[in-house]
Structures are given as structure tokens and as C-alpha cells.
Protein backbone atom coordinates (compact mmCIF):
# COMPACT_ATOMS: atom_id res chain seq x y z
CA MET A 1 -107.18 -95.73 145.30
CA PRO A 2 -109.94 -93.18 145.73
CA PRO A 3 -110.33 -91.72 149.24
CA GLY A 4 -112.15 -94.16 151.48
CA LEU A 5 -111.56 -97.22 149.29
CA GLN A 6 -109.42 -99.64 151.23
CA VAL A 7 -108.49 -102.95 149.66
CA SER A 8 -106.11 -105.54 151.02
CA ALA A 9 -103.00 -106.52 149.09
CA GLU A 10 -104.32 -110.08 149.01
CA VAL A 11 -107.43 -108.94 147.14
CA ILE A 12 -105.41 -106.87 144.66
CA TYR A 13 -103.04 -109.76 143.97
CA SER A 14 -106.02 -112.05 143.25
CA LEU A 15 -107.51 -109.83 140.54
CA PRO A 16 -105.29 -110.74 137.53
CA ALA A 17 -106.07 -114.44 137.88
CA GLN A 18 -109.78 -113.74 138.23
CA LEU A 19 -109.75 -111.50 135.16
CA ARG A 20 -107.94 -114.12 133.08
CA ALA A 21 -110.18 -116.96 134.27
CA ALA A 22 -113.27 -114.99 133.21
CA GLN A 23 -112.02 -114.28 129.67
CA ARG A 24 -114.23 -116.79 127.86
CA ILE A 25 -113.73 -115.45 124.33
CA PHE A 26 -109.95 -115.21 124.79
CA ASP A 27 -109.92 -118.92 125.64
CA HIS A 28 -111.32 -119.73 122.18
CA LYS A 29 -109.93 -117.00 119.96
CA GLY A 30 -106.99 -115.37 121.76
CA GLY A 31 -105.76 -111.86 121.03
CA LEU A 32 -108.41 -109.99 123.01
CA HIS A 33 -108.15 -107.37 125.71
CA ALA A 34 -110.36 -107.37 128.78
CA ALA A 35 -111.62 -104.84 131.29
CA ALA A 36 -113.16 -106.05 134.54
CA LEU A 37 -115.09 -104.35 137.31
CA PHE A 38 -114.49 -105.54 140.88
CA ASP A 39 -115.95 -104.49 144.19
CA ARG A 40 -113.77 -103.75 147.23
CA ARG A 41 -113.89 -107.41 148.31
CA GLY A 42 -112.45 -108.47 144.95
CA GLU A 43 -115.70 -109.91 143.63
CA LEU A 44 -115.88 -109.80 139.83
CA LEU A 45 -118.99 -107.83 138.89
CA SER A 46 -118.56 -107.49 135.13
CA LEU A 47 -116.04 -108.27 132.39
CA LYS A 48 -115.95 -107.09 128.79
CA GLU A 49 -113.62 -108.24 126.01
CA ASP A 50 -112.68 -106.58 122.73
CA VAL A 51 -109.80 -106.45 120.26
CA GLY A 52 -109.11 -102.91 121.48
CA ARG A 53 -108.29 -102.25 125.12
CA HIS A 54 -110.08 -98.90 124.97
CA ASN A 55 -113.17 -100.57 123.54
CA ALA A 56 -113.22 -103.15 126.34
CA LEU A 57 -113.10 -100.35 128.91
CA ASP A 58 -115.78 -98.36 127.08
CA LYS A 59 -118.05 -101.41 127.07
CA LEU A 60 -117.47 -101.94 130.79
CA ILE A 61 -118.23 -98.33 131.72
CA GLY A 62 -121.22 -98.25 129.36
CA THR A 63 -122.65 -101.33 131.00
CA ALA A 64 -122.19 -99.72 134.43
CA LEU A 65 -123.91 -96.56 133.16
CA LEU A 66 -126.89 -98.47 131.78
CA GLY A 67 -127.05 -100.49 135.01
CA GLY A 68 -127.18 -97.37 137.18
CA GLN A 69 -123.85 -98.17 138.88
CA LEU A 70 -122.11 -94.82 138.29
CA PRO A 71 -120.08 -93.37 139.84
CA LEU A 72 -117.69 -96.28 140.35
CA SER A 73 -115.85 -94.69 143.27
CA ASN A 74 -116.15 -97.84 145.41
CA HIS A 75 -114.97 -100.14 142.67
CA MET A 76 -111.77 -101.20 140.94
CA ILE A 77 -111.27 -101.63 137.21
CA MET A 78 -108.59 -103.98 135.97
CA VAL A 79 -107.43 -104.14 132.36
CA SER A 80 -105.54 -107.01 130.79
CA GLY A 81 -102.97 -104.90 128.96
CA ARG A 82 -101.21 -101.57 129.12
CA ALA A 83 -102.79 -98.60 130.87
CA ARG A 84 -102.10 -95.30 129.21
CA ASN A 85 -104.99 -93.09 128.19
CA LEU A 86 -107.27 -95.48 130.04
CA LEU A 87 -106.29 -93.67 133.21
CA LEU A 88 -108.27 -90.62 132.13
CA SER A 89 -111.41 -92.67 131.57
CA CYS A 90 -111.16 -94.20 135.02
CA ARG A 91 -110.44 -90.85 136.64
CA LEU A 92 -113.67 -89.55 135.13
CA GLN A 93 -115.47 -92.41 136.88
CA ARG A 94 -113.48 -91.93 140.11
CA SER A 95 -112.60 -95.61 140.18
CA SER A 96 -109.23 -97.26 140.66
CA LEU A 97 -107.46 -98.64 137.61
CA LEU A 98 -105.27 -101.71 137.94
CA ALA A 99 -103.29 -102.92 134.97
CA ARG A 100 -100.93 -105.75 134.18
CA ALA A 101 -98.55 -103.23 132.56
CA VAL A 102 -98.26 -99.46 132.68
CA ASN A 103 -96.87 -97.36 129.84
CA PHE A 104 -96.53 -93.61 130.28
């Protein structure tokens, strides 16, 4: 987590279920990745879906940029799949990345 961002384990453990519950397109089509933006209390602020996990994250960060929310240093980003090069994108935003699976 970035310096100063403190989040309880209970909040972190609640994020995967919230992300999955908010995946509306996945419910109908399946096969989509998601990226979600949460505040420190675990409140879902935004979720984007795409066939590519990088695209979902790009959409999420782009929405935050257009909404004047950058930097995301007091937020957490969770992705539905593997986190590999996504880490770099989140580091640039100084946010915390949480993933269901990590592949280095």
C-alpha cells in the first residue's frame, strides 16, 4: 500500500466479491476482465470491463483522469485476473493494485 493508506484486512477481503458482483456484462456474456477502483473504506467507485485486462485498467484510469481524480494515491485498484505489467500502470498512479492472481 502507498505510504499513509491504511486498509483493514476485512475491507481487502471484501473487494473480490464486490468486483464480481458489479460485473454486469460478465453476467451476460462471460469471458471479460474487470478493473475496479475502491476508496480506503472499500467503497466501489468505478468498474470497467473489457476482453483485455490491460484495456479494462486503461479505461478505469482514463475515467479517473477525465473525472479529475488523479493521482489515485488514496485508492485501491483491483483486477479480476493476473497482475503482471499492470503493476507498472498502477505504480504510475501511486495506487495499490490488488489482483486475484499474480504472475511474475
